[in-house]
Protein backbone atom coordinates (compact mmCIF):
# COMPACT_ATOMS: atom_id res chain seq x y z
CA MET A 1 -32.72 26.68 59.02
CA ASN A 2 -34.34 27.48 55.95
CA GLY A 3 -35.83 31.11 57.19
CA GLN A 4 -39.28 30.26 56.68
CA ASN A 5 -40.21 30.42 60.23
CA ARG A 6 -40.22 33.81 61.99
CA SER A 7 -39.43 32.65 65.44
CA ASP A 8 -36.00 31.30 64.27
CA ILE A 9 -35.12 34.83 63.29
CA LYS A 10 -34.05 37.73 65.48
CA PRO A 11 -32.57 41.05 64.88
CA GLY A 12 -28.55 40.63 64.84
CA SER A 13 -29.11 37.22 63.08
CA ALA A 14 -26.59 36.53 60.39
CA VAL A 15 -28.76 35.39 57.34
CA SER A 16 -28.59 34.89 53.54
CA ILE A 17 -31.03 36.54 51.67
CA VAL A 18 -32.56 36.72 47.96
CA LEU A 19 -33.24 40.33 46.91
CA LYS A 20 -36.39 40.96 44.93
CA ALA A 21 -34.26 42.01 41.92
CA ASP A 22 -32.45 38.83 42.34
CA GLN A 23 -35.40 36.29 42.77
CA ARG A 24 -34.92 34.86 39.26
CA SER A 25 -31.33 34.44 39.17
CA GLY A 26 -31.47 33.25 43.06
CA LYS A 27 -28.30 35.25 44.01
CA LEU A 28 -27.75 35.36 47.55
CA THR A 29 -26.80 38.31 49.71
CA ASP A 30 -25.37 38.03 53.33
CA GLY A 31 -25.96 40.31 56.06
CA ILE A 32 -27.39 41.04 59.40
CA VAL A 33 -30.77 41.48 60.24
CA LYS A 34 -31.95 45.00 61.60
CA ASP A 35 -35.80 44.47 61.33
CA ILE A 36 -38.15 41.54 60.77
CA LEU A 37 -41.25 42.93 58.13
CA THR A 38 -43.02 39.58 57.76
CA LYS A 39 -45.71 39.85 60.53
CA SER A 40 -46.97 36.20 60.10
CA SER A 41 -45.17 33.25 62.00
CA PHE A 42 -44.49 31.25 58.85
CA HIS A 43 -44.16 32.17 55.24
CA PRO A 44 -43.37 29.73 52.22
CA HIS A 45 -40.96 31.72 50.36
CA GLY A 46 -39.07 33.11 53.57
CA ILE A 47 -39.45 35.79 56.12
CA LYS A 48 -38.88 39.29 54.72
CA VAL A 49 -36.18 41.30 56.54
CA ARG A 50 -34.42 44.36 56.50
CA LEU A 51 -30.56 44.15 56.94
CA THR A 52 -28.52 46.63 58.68
CA ASP A 53 -27.23 48.18 55.44
CA GLY A 54 -30.94 48.71 54.22
CA GLN A 55 -31.43 46.25 51.96
CA VAL A 56 -34.68 44.22 51.85
CA GLY A 57 -35.34 40.66 51.04
CA ARG A 58 -36.30 37.17 51.92
CA VAL A 59 -34.31 34.87 54.18
CA LYS A 60 -33.16 31.66 52.34
CA SER A 61 -30.83 30.35 55.05
CA ILE A 62 -29.71 31.55 58.61
CA ARG A 63 -26.12 31.30 59.29
CA SER A 64 -24.35 30.24 62.37
């Protein structure tokens, strides 16, 4: 899953996100979702989340 639909992401989900600082390089950071920050049900660049370690970024993929 690509992380564009809010309904696919739940707190506790394992995801790969791209941090704001890494948007140009596209470097992914793996973590566990703590909070979902995007209010809309869909976002073309990925739903914005906060990981359990406090990092904030947009979901690029949901890991199983």
